[in-house]
């Protein structure tokens, strides 16, 4: 679709937004939201007709891009047939969505509890774990994000937690492996893995194994920096959970449904959790949907004992119809394999080449269509480009980098000292190369702040 400029309409949209919309994670008077006129595939555009290649996939959810015709048609057909229905009933769209998800989940995660999104999926997974074990505590990693609701944001391990953390949520944080900024003085991935597991087991021992209900981890942490865990780490966590009777929860809200080049990132590590949360890519974000995939032993706990939780819109027909269509499209079009292949043959070599050219790039890491560049002032000392949780003038280098990317038609995903490369999983090779060229130009601006 060719964008048609309409500045007057854009001004009206912007005025209404500024008058009435309260935006998340924002100081309301300091933001300037872009008015978006439309989107298709890997692109969106504003009312001035400027088009942007979306290297954010919305918020890492448009795994098949915007406005896929088969998913749009499925939503329209479901609306004409049965727009909504209460969750206590069996309906075709809900049953089929659950079946298709269960076909793809690892191990025996065959029961699906539907939620409205990722945060409430995490909330319910933790509730299930506590009820299953009769224990109160949850262990979660620093450098993680699990959602904005009360329990989920307390499980989160980044600064978004701080304003809501009253130290009464029953959450204990620990360090997960991240060799580039190791907390364990490790020099190799093997050392980092072994020392991170030792640290986790020590944390369990000092907290009291009989008090810990669950360990919650993002399979591949997302907004915190796309830190792919070293070989053996997740398997080691699985062993610790089995040893101490702890429920292992993997958060696949971002990493699931093709993002890592597998249906679920757990498949990369041959590990099966007890509970797995999902959302976002399950239907490419077209209608809000999330859920918890539940193992046999957890499901058995609630076989003759009511599970004390639910949502009015659990398994909403429109959302489930979108999920069915999305999963079928991904299978028919080979989207998961496509993401894996392009990640290996195009994204990784291109990003490593950028790192060679730009002193602002400290590290490249990722898998599939899930990548991050760690931006630094000094490669030798690994000093971050901006301070941790920087704002205002302190964040000027990242703001300048972001503005340069947008100037070149690339909409970047920026979090602290990182820019993420997370386009739709069905992005074309030509689109990728266009975006990587724009990223190359924007990094020249970040280079200006290096020593």
Protein backbone atom coordinates (compact mmCIF):
# COMPACT_ATOMS: atom_id res chain seq x y z
CA UNK A 1 0.00 0.00 0.00
CA UNK A 2 1.29 3.47 -0.87
CA UNK A 3 0.83 5.88 2.07
CA UNK A 4 -1.25 8.94 1.21
CA UNK A 5 -0.34 12.09 3.16
CA UNK A 6 -3.12 13.62 5.24
CA UNK A 7 -1.52 15.98 7.79
CA UNK A 8 -4.84 17.47 8.88
CA UNK A 9 -6.20 14.08 9.92
CA UNK A 10 -2.92 13.32 11.67
CA UNK A 11 -3.12 16.57 13.65
CA UNK A 12 -6.66 15.67 14.80
CA UNK A 13 -5.54 12.19 15.92
CA UNK A 14 -2.60 13.67 17.78
CA UNK A 15 -4.73 16.34 19.47
CA UNK A 16 -7.26 13.78 20.73
CA UNK A 17 -4.47 11.55 21.97
CA UNK A 18 -2.77 14.35 23.89
CA UNK A 19 -6.09 15.48 25.36
CA UNK A 20 -7.38 12.11 26.53
CA UNK A 21 -5.00 9.11 26.26
CA UNK A 22 -2.91 8.22 29.30
CA UNK A 23 0.16 6.36 28.02
CA UNK A 24 1.93 3.52 29.80
CA UNK A 25 5.46 3.81 31.23
CA UNK A 26 5.55 7.53 30.44
CA UNK A 27 5.67 11.00 31.98
CA UNK A 28 2.59 12.27 30.20
CA UNK A 29 3.80 15.83 29.51
CA UNK A 30 7.19 14.72 28.18
CA UNK A 31 6.11 12.41 25.37
CA UNK A 32 5.29 13.07 21.74
CA UNK A 33 3.58 9.96 20.29
CA UNK A 34 3.76 9.46 16.54
CA UNK A 35 0.32 9.48 14.90
CA UNK A 36 0.15 6.30 12.80
CA UNK A 37 -2.05 6.23 9.72
CA UNK A 38 -1.65 2.59 8.71
CA UNK A 39 0.50 -0.53 8.58
CA UNK A 40 1.08 -3.51 6.33
CA UNK A 41 3.60 -6.33 6.46
CA UNK A 42 6.86 -5.10 7.98
CA UNK A 43 6.06 -1.38 7.62
CA UNK A 44 3.89 1.34 9.12
CA UNK A 45 3.49 4.99 8.13
CA UNK A 46 2.46 8.33 9.55
CA UNK A 47 -0.01 10.93 8.28
CA UNK A 48 2.74 12.78 6.43
CA UNK A 49 3.26 9.69 4.29
CA UNK A 50 6.63 8.78 5.86
CA UNK A 51 7.08 5.02 5.99
CA UNK A 52 9.05 3.15 8.68
CA UNK A 53 10.45 -0.36 8.63
CA UNK A 54 9.36 -1.76 11.99
CA UNK A 55 12.31 -3.35 13.77
CA UNK A 56 10.19 -3.61 16.95
CA UNK A 57 7.38 -5.88 15.66
CA UNK A 58 4.98 -3.61 17.54
CA UNK A 59 6.15 -4.64 20.99
CA UNK A 60 7.70 -7.90 19.79
CA UNK A 61 4.35 -9.39 18.85
CA UNK A 62 3.60 -8.89 15.13
CA UNK A 63 5.43 -12.11 14.29
CA UNK A 64 3.67 -12.34 10.91
CA UNK A 65 3.63 -8.59 10.34
CA UNK A 66 0.68 -6.23 10.10
CA UNK A 67 -2.64 -6.94 8.41
CA UNK A 68 -2.02 -10.49 7.21
CA UNK A 69 -5.10 -11.09 5.01
CA UNK A 70 -5.80 -14.63 6.26
CA UNK A 71 -5.82 -13.57 9.91
CA UNK A 72 -7.91 -10.47 9.20
CA UNK A 73 -10.41 -12.67 7.33
CA UNK A 74 -10.55 -15.18 10.20
CA UNK A 75 -11.38 -12.41 12.68
CA UNK A 76 -14.11 -11.09 10.36
CA UNK A 77 -15.59 -14.56 9.87
CA UNK A 78 -15.59 -15.28 13.60
CA UNK A 79 -17.26 -11.94 14.33
CA UNK A 80 -20.00 -12.79 11.87
CA UNK A 81 -20.46 -16.26 13.37
CA UNK A 82 -20.00 -15.86 17.15
CA UNK A 83 -18.50 -12.61 18.37
CA UNK A 84 -18.21 -13.54 22.05
CA UNK A 85 -19.16 -16.24 24.51
CA UNK A 86 -18.50 -16.99 28.19
CA UNK A 87 -15.40 -19.05 29.02
CA UNK A 88 -17.28 -21.85 30.83
CA UNK A 89 -18.55 -23.23 27.51
CA UNK A 90 -16.80 -25.28 24.85
CA UNK A 91 -16.64 -23.38 21.56
CA UNK A 92 -14.85 -24.29 18.35
CA UNK A 93 -12.38 -21.39 18.12
CA UNK A 94 -11.22 -21.83 21.72
CA UNK A 95 -10.91 -25.61 21.50
CA UNK A 96 -9.01 -25.46 18.19
CA UNK A 97 -6.64 -22.76 19.42
CA UNK A 98 -5.84 -24.81 22.52
CA UNK A 99 -5.26 -27.93 20.40
CA UNK A 100 -2.91 -26.16 18.01
CA UNK A 101 -0.92 -24.58 20.84
CA UNK A 102 -0.65 -27.89 22.70
CA UNK A 103 0.61 -29.55 19.51
CA UNK A 104 3.57 -27.19 19.55
CA UNK A 105 4.44 -26.93 23.24
CA UNK A 106 7.28 -29.14 24.52
CA UNK A 107 6.71 -32.26 26.62
CA UNK A 108 3.33 -32.77 28.23
CA UNK A 109 2.27 -29.13 28.40
CA UNK A 110 -1.09 -30.14 26.97
CA UNK A 111 -3.60 -28.12 28.99
CA UNK A 112 -4.06 -24.47 28.04
CA UNK A 113 -5.44 -21.79 30.36
CA UNK A 114 -6.23 -18.68 28.34
CA UNK A 115 -5.63 -15.15 29.62
CA UNK A 116 -5.86 -11.71 28.04
CA UNK A 117 -2.11 -11.17 27.78
CA UNK A 118 1.34 -12.02 29.08
CA UNK A 119 1.28 -10.31 32.48
CA UNK A 120 -1.86 -12.06 33.66
CA UNK A 121 -0.48 -15.34 32.26
CA UNK A 122 2.50 -14.89 34.60
CA UNK A 123 0.15 -14.00 37.48
CA UNK A 124 -1.82 -17.21 37.00
CA UNK A 125 1.24 -19.41 36.50
CA UNK A 126 2.62 -18.20 39.83
CA UNK A 127 -0.74 -18.75 41.52
CA UNK A 128 -0.86 -22.31 40.17
CA UNK A 129 2.67 -22.99 41.40
CA UNK A 130 1.93 -21.70 44.90
CA UNK A 131 -1.26 -23.72 45.15
CA UNK A 132 0.44 -26.84 43.76
CA UNK A 133 3.35 -26.67 46.21
CA UNK A 134 1.77 -24.93 49.20
CA UNK A 135 4.84 -22.68 49.31
CA UNK A 136 4.98 -18.85 49.24
CA UNK A 137 8.20 -17.68 47.54
CA UNK A 138 9.05 -17.10 43.90
CA UNK A 139 12.60 -16.75 42.58
CA UNK A 140 13.23 -14.62 39.51
CA UNK A 141 16.27 -13.18 37.75
CA UNK A 142 17.58 -9.66 37.62
CA UNK A 143 17.65 -8.38 34.03
CA UNK A 144 14.16 -9.72 33.32
CA UNK A 145 10.69 -8.46 32.47
CA UNK A 146 7.48 -10.35 33.19
CA UNK A 147 4.68 -7.78 32.94
CA UNK A 148 3.12 -4.70 34.47
CA UNK A 149 0.46 -6.16 36.81
CA UNK A 150 1.19 -6.27 40.53
CA UNK A 151 2.70 -9.75 40.88
CA UNK A 152 4.28 -9.76 37.43
CA UNK A 153 6.03 -6.42 37.89
CA UNK A 154 7.42 -7.57 41.24
CA UNK A 155 8.80 -10.69 39.57
CA UNK A 156 10.40 -8.40 36.98
CA UNK A 157 14.09 -7.70 37.53
CA UNK A 158 14.58 -4.28 35.96
CA UNK A 159 13.87 -0.69 37.11
CA UNK A 160 10.23 -0.84 36.06
CA UNK A 161 9.69 -2.85 39.23
CA UNK A 162 11.04 -0.27 41.67
CA UNK A 163 8.03 2.08 42.07
CA UNK A 164 5.71 -0.88 42.77
CA UNK A 165 8.04 -2.99 44.92
CA UNK A 166 6.93 -2.90 48.53
CA UNK A 167 9.15 -5.91 49.39
CA UNK A 168 6.02 -7.87 50.31
CA UNK A 169 5.34 -9.84 47.11
CA UNK A 170 7.19 -13.00 48.13
CA UNK A 171 9.75 -12.54 45.34
CA UNK A 172 13.50 -13.09 45.65
CA UNK A 173 15.81 -12.07 42.80
CA UNK A 174 19.04 -13.74 41.73
CA UNK A 175 21.66 -13.31 38.99
CA UNK A 176 21.21 -15.32 35.81
CA UNK A 177 24.15 -15.89 33.42
CA UNK A 178 25.31 -13.02 31.20
CA UNK A 179 28.98 -13.38 30.33
CA UNK A 180 29.44 -9.91 28.81
CA UNK A 181 28.60 -8.33 32.19
CA UNK A 182 29.29 -11.34 34.40
CA UNK A 183 28.51 -11.12 38.10
CA UNK A 184 30.60 -14.26 38.63
CA UNK A 185 34.00 -13.12 37.31
CA UNK A 186 33.72 -15.78 34.63
CA UNK A 187 35.91 -15.85 31.53
CA UNK A 188 34.07 -18.52 29.52
CA UNK A 189 30.47 -19.56 28.91
CA UNK A 190 31.17 -22.81 30.77
CA UNK A 191 32.37 -20.94 33.86
CA UNK A 192 29.46 -18.51 33.67
CA UNK A 193 26.95 -21.37 33.48
CA UNK A 194 28.49 -23.37 36.35
CA UNK A 195 28.85 -20.35 38.63
CA UNK A 196 25.34 -19.07 37.88
CA UNK A 197 23.89 -22.47 38.78
CA UNK A 198 25.95 -22.59 41.96
CA UNK A 199 24.70 -19.10 42.87
CA UNK A 200 21.10 -20.15 42.24
CA UNK A 201 21.41 -23.29 44.36
CA UNK A 202 23.00 -21.27 47.16
CA UNK A 203 20.11 -18.79 46.96
CA UNK A 204 17.63 -21.65 47.25
CA UNK A 205 19.52 -23.09 50.23
CA UNK A 206 19.66 -19.78 52.10
CA UNK A 207 16.00 -18.92 51.35
CA UNK A 208 14.92 -22.39 52.45
CA UNK A 209 14.01 -24.92 49.73
CA UNK A 210 10.74 -25.73 51.46
CA UNK A 211 9.62 -22.11 51.07
CA UNK A 212 10.18 -21.78 47.32
CA UNK A 213 7.18 -22.46 45.09
CA UNK A 214 8.63 -21.55 41.69
CA UNK A 215 11.58 -20.32 39.71
CA UNK A 216 10.46 -18.02 36.88
CA UNK A 217 12.76 -17.33 33.92
CA UNK A 218 12.36 -15.87 30.48
CA UNK A 219 13.70 -18.63 28.25
CA UNK A 220 15.58 -15.93 26.34
CA UNK A 221 15.27 -12.60 28.18
CA UNK A 222 13.69 -10.00 25.91
CA UNK A 223 13.63 -6.30 26.76
CA UNK A 224 16.46 -6.80 29.27
CA UNK A 225 18.83 -7.52 26.41
CA UNK A 226 18.17 -10.80 24.54
CA UNK A 227 20.74 -12.74 26.56
CA UNK A 228 20.68 -16.28 25.16
CA UNK A 229 21.52 -18.58 28.10
CA UNK A 230 24.69 -20.66 27.81
CA UNK A 231 24.43 -24.37 27.01
CA UNK A 232 23.41 -26.38 30.03
CA UNK A 233 21.98 -23.53 32.11
CA UNK A 234 18.27 -24.14 31.66
CA UNK A 235 18.80 -27.89 31.98
CA UNK A 236 20.65 -27.18 35.23
CA UNK A 237 17.74 -25.08 36.52
CA UNK A 238 15.40 -27.93 35.62
CA UNK A 239 17.55 -30.30 37.72
CA UNK A 240 17.52 -27.93 40.68
CA UNK A 241 13.73 -27.62 40.49
CA UNK A 242 13.38 -31.40 40.44
CA UNK A 243 15.84 -31.76 43.34
CA UNK A 244 13.98 -29.35 45.60
CA UNK A 245 10.36 -29.88 44.46
CA UNK A 246 10.15 -26.41 42.89
CA UNK A 247 7.88 -25.58 39.95
CA UNK A 248 9.84 -24.44 36.89
CA UNK A 249 8.07 -21.66 34.96
CA UNK A 250 9.37 -20.49 31.61
CA UNK A 251 8.09 -17.14 30.31
CA UNK A 252 7.83 -17.39 26.51
CA UNK A 253 5.65 -14.30 26.05
CA UNK A 254 8.30 -12.69 23.82
CA UNK A 255 10.39 -15.68 22.76
CA UNK A 256 7.55 -17.96 21.70
CA UNK A 257 5.91 -18.67 18.34
CA UNK A 258 8.85 -18.46 15.98
CA UNK A 259 10.75 -15.51 17.40
CA UNK A 260 13.88 -17.60 18.07
CA UNK A 261 13.56 -19.74 14.95
CA UNK A 262 11.72 -22.47 16.89
CA UNK A 263 8.09 -22.69 17.88
CA UNK A 264 9.26 -22.12 21.45
CA UNK A 265 12.70 -21.12 22.68
CA UNK A 266 12.60 -24.06 25.11
CA UNK A 267 13.14 -26.29 22.06
CA UNK A 268 16.57 -24.68 21.56
CA UNK A 269 17.67 -26.06 24.91
CA UNK A 270 15.74 -29.36 25.00
CA UNK A 271 14.12 -28.43 28.30
CA UNK A 272 10.51 -28.87 29.46
CA UNK A 273 9.15 -26.59 32.21
CA UNK A 274 6.19 -27.37 34.45
CA UNK A 275 4.35 -24.24 33.32
CA UNK A 276 4.97 -22.02 30.32
CA UNK A 277 3.45 -18.61 29.70
CA UNK A 278 2.73 -17.21 26.24
CA UNK A 279 1.01 -14.27 24.53
CA UNK A 280 2.05 -11.78 21.81
CA UNK A 281 3.06 -13.96 18.83
CA UNK A 282 0.31 -16.54 19.42
CA UNK A 283 -1.91 -14.43 17.16
CA UNK A 284 0.57 -11.74 16.13
CA UNK A 285 -1.08 -9.37 18.57
CA UNK A 286 -4.15 -8.89 16.36
CA UNK A 287 -6.52 -9.43 19.32
CA UNK A 288 -5.28 -9.57 22.95
CA UNK A 289 -4.56 -13.16 24.00
CA UNK A 290 -2.20 -14.96 26.36
CA UNK A 291 -2.13 -18.11 28.36
CA UNK A 292 -0.44 -20.75 30.46
CA UNK A 293 0.53 -24.16 29.08
CA UNK A 294 0.21 -26.62 31.97
CA UNK A 295 1.97 -29.93 32.57
CA UNK A 296 0.16 -33.09 33.58
CA UNK A 297 1.28 -33.02 37.21
CA UNK A 298 0.14 -29.41 37.71
CA UNK A 299 -3.15 -30.03 35.91
CA UNK A 300 -3.76 -33.06 38.15
CA UNK A 301 -3.67 -30.80 41.22
CA UNK A 302 -6.82 -29.15 39.95
CA UNK A 303 -8.52 -32.28 38.67
CA UNK A 304 -10.95 -32.50 41.60
CA UNK A 305 -10.01 -29.26 43.27
CA UNK A 306 -11.28 -26.04 41.75
CA UNK A 307 -8.66 -23.69 40.42
CA UNK A 308 -9.44 -20.36 42.11
CA UNK A 309 -8.91 -18.05 39.16
CA UNK A 310 -10.40 -16.97 35.87
CA UNK A 311 -11.05 -14.11 33.50
CA UNK A 312 -14.26 -12.85 31.91
CA UNK A 313 -12.66 -12.93 28.47
CA UNK A 314 -10.59 -16.11 28.87
CA UNK A 315 -10.30 -17.66 25.43
CA UNK A 316 -12.29 -14.91 23.71
CA UNK A 317 -13.61 -16.21 20.37
CA UNK A 318 -12.14 -13.37 18.28
CA UNK A 319 -8.72 -13.77 19.89
CA UNK A 320 -8.78 -17.54 19.52
CA UNK A 321 -9.89 -17.36 15.89
CA UNK A 322 -6.94 -15.04 15.25
CA UNK A 323 -4.65 -17.55 16.98
CA UNK A 324 -5.92 -20.45 14.87
CA UNK A 325 -5.39 -18.47 11.68
CA UNK A 326 -1.95 -17.23 12.77
CA UNK A 327 -0.68 -20.69 13.69
CA UNK A 328 -1.98 -22.12 10.42
CA UNK A 329 -0.38 -19.29 8.42
CA UNK A 330 2.94 -19.82 10.18
CA UNK A 331 2.83 -23.53 9.36
CA UNK A 332 1.69 -23.07 5.75
CA UNK A 333 4.25 -20.34 5.00
CA UNK A 334 7.15 -21.91 6.89
CA UNK A 335 7.58 -18.80 9.02
CA UNK A 336 9.48 -20.50 11.86
CA UNK A 337 12.09 -22.04 9.57
CA UNK A 338 12.29 -18.77 7.63
CA UNK A 339 13.12 -16.86 10.83
CA UNK A 340 15.77 -19.39 11.76
CA UNK A 341 17.42 -19.34 8.34
CA UNK A 342 17.46 -15.55 7.95
CA UNK A 343 18.80 -15.17 11.47
CA UNK A 344 21.72 -17.43 10.62
CA UNK A 345 22.47 -16.35 7.05
CA UNK A 346 21.59 -12.64 7.05
CA UNK A 347 21.11 -11.05 10.48
CA UNK A 348 24.00 -12.51 12.43
CA UNK A 349 26.70 -11.93 9.77
CA UNK A 350 25.41 -8.41 9.09
CA UNK A 351 25.33 -7.43 12.76
CA UNK A 352 28.81 -8.83 13.34
CA UNK A 353 30.02 -6.79 10.38
CA UNK A 354 28.42 -3.68 11.91
CA UNK A 355 30.21 -4.42 15.17
CA UNK A 356 33.52 -4.45 13.32
CA UNK A 357 32.83 -1.01 11.84
CA UNK A 358 31.28 0.76 14.81
CA UNK A 359 33.16 1.31 18.10
CA UNK A 360 29.80 1.92 19.84
CA UNK A 361 28.88 -1.77 19.48
CA UNK A 362 30.23 -3.76 22.40
CA UNK A 363 28.51 -7.06 21.75
CA UNK A 364 26.15 -8.76 19.29
CA UNK A 365 23.91 -11.53 20.58
CA UNK A 366 20.71 -13.32 19.61
CA UNK A 367 19.05 -16.07 17.64
CA UNK A 368 16.38 -16.28 14.93
CA UNK A 369 14.65 -12.89 14.66
CA UNK A 370 15.64 -11.96 18.22
CA UNK A 371 18.85 -9.89 18.40
CA UNK A 372 20.44 -7.11 20.43
CA UNK A 373 23.40 -4.80 20.09
CA UNK A 374 25.00 -3.71 23.37
CA UNK A 375 26.07 -0.09 22.95
CA UNK A 376 29.12 1.20 24.83
CA UNK A 377 31.31 4.28 25.21
CA UNK A 378 34.45 2.20 25.50
CA UNK A 379 34.88 -1.31 24.15
CA UNK A 380 37.88 -2.01 26.37
CA UNK A 381 36.21 -1.12 29.68
CA UNK A 382 32.69 -1.99 28.45
CA UNK A 383 31.42 1.28 29.91
CA UNK A 384 27.75 1.58 28.82
CA UNK A 385 26.84 4.28 26.30
CA UNK A 386 24.52 5.76 28.95
CA UNK A 387 24.24 5.06 32.70
CA UNK A 388 21.89 2.37 33.99
CA UNK A 389 18.27 3.57 33.87
CA UNK A 390 19.38 6.90 32.35
CA UNK A 391 16.83 9.65 31.67
CA UNK A 392 16.85 13.21 30.36
CA UNK A 393 20.24 14.61 29.38
CA UNK A 394 22.02 11.50 30.65
CA UNK A 395 20.20 9.51 27.98
CA UNK A 396 21.13 11.93 25.16
CA UNK A 397 23.38 9.48 23.24
CA UNK A 398 20.61 6.87 22.98
CA UNK A 399 18.06 9.54 22.09
CA UNK A 400 20.32 10.79 19.30
CA UNK A 401 20.82 7.25 18.02
CA UNK A 402 17.05 6.65 18.00
CA UNK A 403 16.37 9.89 16.17
CA UNK A 404 18.97 8.98 13.53
CA UNK A 405 17.36 5.58 12.97
CA UNK A 406 13.93 7.17 12.45
CA UNK A 407 15.40 9.74 10.08
CA UNK A 408 16.58 6.83 7.91
CA UNK A 409 13.13 5.17 7.96
CA UNK A 410 13.85 2.59 10.66
CA UNK A 411 11.75 2.38 13.82
CA UNK A 412 14.11 1.00 16.48
CA UNK A 413 13.49 -0.91 19.71
CA UNK A 414 15.70 0.77 22.30
CA UNK A 415 16.00 -0.20 25.96
CA UNK A 416 18.71 1.37 28.09
CA UNK A 417 22.04 0.65 26.34
CA UNK A 418 20.66 -1.73 23.75
CA UNK A 419 19.02 -1.60 20.41
CA UNK A 420 17.06 -4.70 19.51
CA UNK A 421 16.64 -6.15 16.03
CA UNK A 422 13.25 -7.84 16.18
CA UNK A 423 11.44 -7.48 12.83
CA UNK A 424 8.47 -9.69 11.91
CA UNK A 425 9.47 -13.34 11.63
CA UNK A 426 8.34 -13.38 7.99
CA UNK A 427 10.37 -10.28 7.05
CA UNK A 428 11.95 -10.58 3.60
CA UNK A 429 15.69 -10.62 2.99
CA UNK A 430 15.40 -7.34 1.07
CA UNK A 431 13.54 -5.68 3.96
CA UNK A 432 16.15 -6.93 6.41
CA UNK A 433 18.98 -5.50 4.35
CA UNK A 434 17.16 -2.17 4.10
CA UNK A 435 16.77 -2.05 7.87
CA UNK A 436 20.35 -3.09 8.53
CA UNK A 437 21.61 -0.32 6.20
CA UNK A 438 19.56 2.22 8.19
CA UNK A 439 20.93 0.77 11.43
CA UNK A 440 24.45 1.15 10.05
CA UNK A 441 23.83 4.85 9.42
CA UNK A 442 22.30 5.41 12.87
CA UNK A 443 25.22 3.72 14.64
CA UNK A 444 27.52 6.36 13.19
CA UNK A 445 25.72 8.82 15.47
CA UNK A 446 26.27 6.57 18.52
CA UNK A 447 29.95 6.35 17.56
CA UNK A 448 30.29 10.08 18.16
CA UNK A 449 29.89 9.46 21.90
CA UNK A 450 32.62 6.83 22.17
CA UNK A 451 36.12 7.41 23.49
